[in-house]
Amino acid sequence: MKALLLAIAATGSLLVAGQAGAVDAAAAKALAQKSGCLACHTVEAKVLGPSYKDVAAKYKGDKTAEAKLVEKVKKGGSGVWGPMPMPANSPQVKDEDIKTIVQWILSL
């Protein structure tokens, strides 16, 4: 009986953890929307800028990707994904919000 209860508790913990991850992704996407990121980017398709899935694929396995992308979002840049420059997003978007958005993008 104890083993059954422990198994149920463990399963419940995993379900809650999975839901927490989904809430974080939803919160990060809402932050990207609020910050104006989704005017030029989408998760699936290139608009003015690359899709977030393309960004995640490009930087997959790069241990320095998060720091690079946080700086790129803050300061802006051009030439990596084509001729269209990305404007700087600092100071209008908080550093912690940029980090949250970048972490979400890299998780896709």
Protein backbone atom coordinates (compact mmCIF):
# COMPACT_ATOMS: atom_id res chain seq x y z
CA MET A 1 0.00 0.00 0.00
CA LYS A 2 2.86 2.39 0.85
CA ALA A 3 4.51 1.65 -2.48
CA LEU A 4 1.29 2.49 -4.31
CA LEU A 5 0.93 5.79 -2.44
CA LEU A 6 4.56 6.68 -3.16
CA ALA A 7 4.07 5.90 -6.85
CA ILE A 8 0.96 8.09 -6.98
CA ALA A 9 2.77 10.93 -5.20
CA ALA A 10 5.75 10.68 -7.57
CA THR A 11 3.48 10.72 -10.62
CA GLY A 12 1.63 13.75 -9.25
CA SER A 13 4.94 15.57 -8.73
CA LEU A 14 5.97 14.90 -12.32
CA LEU A 15 2.65 16.18 -13.64
CA VAL A 16 2.93 19.39 -11.61
CA ALA A 17 6.52 19.88 -12.80
CA GLY A 18 5.40 19.45 -16.41
CA GLN A 19 2.64 21.99 -15.95
CA ALA A 20 5.07 24.47 -14.38
CA GLY A 21 7.26 24.25 -17.50
CA ALA A 22 4.25 24.91 -19.72
CA VAL A 23 3.27 27.93 -17.60
CA ASP A 24 6.82 29.30 -17.89
CA ALA A 25 6.71 28.95 -21.69
CA ALA A 26 3.33 30.67 -21.82
CA ALA A 27 4.59 33.45 -19.55
CA ALA A 28 7.72 33.90 -21.66
CA LYS A 29 5.68 34.03 -24.87
CA ALA A 30 3.40 36.63 -23.27
CA LEU A 31 6.49 38.62 -22.28
CA ALA A 32 7.76 38.45 -25.88
CA GLN A 33 4.36 39.70 -27.07
CA LYS A 34 4.31 42.53 -24.53
CA SER A 35 7.89 43.50 -25.41
CA GLY A 36 7.13 43.76 -29.14
CA CYS A 37 9.28 40.77 -30.18
CA LEU A 38 6.39 39.05 -31.95
CA ALA A 39 6.00 41.97 -34.34
CA CYS A 40 9.10 40.70 -36.20
CA HIS A 41 9.41 37.06 -35.06
CA THR A 42 7.14 34.04 -34.67
CA VAL A 43 7.83 30.63 -33.21
CA GLU A 44 7.41 28.71 -36.48
CA ALA A 45 8.03 31.00 -39.47
CA LYS A 46 10.34 33.80 -40.60
CA VAL A 47 8.65 37.21 -40.65
CA LEU A 48 11.09 40.14 -40.64
CA GLY A 49 13.43 38.23 -38.37
CA PRO A 50 14.08 34.50 -38.11
CA SER A 51 11.63 32.13 -36.48
CA TYR A 52 12.42 31.30 -32.88
CA LYS A 53 12.71 27.61 -33.79
CA ASP A 54 15.38 28.52 -36.37
CA VAL A 55 17.25 30.52 -33.72
CA ALA A 56 17.07 27.60 -31.28
CA ALA A 57 18.34 25.19 -33.96
CA LYS A 58 21.23 27.47 -34.93
CA TYR A 59 22.45 27.78 -31.34
CA LYS A 60 21.71 24.21 -30.20
CA GLY A 61 24.66 22.89 -28.22
CA ASP A 62 26.33 26.31 -27.97
CA LYS A 63 27.05 26.85 -24.26
CA THR A 64 27.54 30.60 -24.86
CA ALA A 65 24.30 31.07 -26.81
CA GLU A 66 22.25 32.52 -23.96
CA ALA A 67 24.78 35.26 -23.18
CA LYS A 68 25.29 36.05 -26.89
CA LEU A 69 21.57 36.33 -27.57
CA VAL A 70 20.84 38.40 -24.46
CA GLU A 71 23.46 40.91 -25.65
CA LYS A 72 22.11 40.82 -29.22
CA VAL A 73 18.57 41.52 -28.00
CA LYS A 74 19.77 44.32 -25.73
CA LYS A 75 22.05 46.05 -28.24
CA GLY A 76 20.51 45.00 -31.55
CA GLY A 77 22.51 43.82 -34.53
CA SER A 78 22.51 42.78 -38.15
CA GLY A 79 24.09 40.47 -40.66
CA VAL A 80 23.54 37.13 -38.94
CA TRP A 81 20.11 36.41 -40.45
CA GLY A 82 20.18 38.75 -43.43
CA PRO A 83 20.30 42.47 -44.12
CA MET A 84 17.37 43.50 -41.87
CA PRO A 85 18.82 44.95 -38.64
CA MET A 86 17.29 44.16 -35.26
CA PRO A 87 16.89 47.31 -33.17
CA ALA A 88 18.21 47.53 -29.61
CA ASN A 89 15.67 46.59 -26.95
CA SER A 90 17.33 48.16 -23.94
CA PRO A 91 16.31 50.01 -21.78
CA GLN A 92 12.64 49.53 -22.70
CA VAL A 93 12.79 45.79 -21.96
CA LYS A 94 14.17 44.76 -18.56
CA ASP A 95 17.29 42.58 -18.51
CA GLU A 96 15.53 39.81 -16.59
CA ASP A 97 12.70 39.81 -19.15
CA ILE A 98 15.19 39.55 -22.02
CA LYS A 99 16.89 36.62 -20.28
CA THR A 100 13.53 34.86 -19.77
CA ILE A 101 12.59 35.33 -23.44
CA VAL A 102 16.00 34.08 -24.64
CA GLN A 103 15.82 31.01 -22.39
CA TRP A 104 12.38 30.22 -23.78
CA ILE A 105 13.58 30.63 -27.39
CA LEU A 106 16.54 28.32 -26.78
CA SER A 107 14.20 25.71 -25.26
CA LEU A 108 12.17 25.37 -28.48
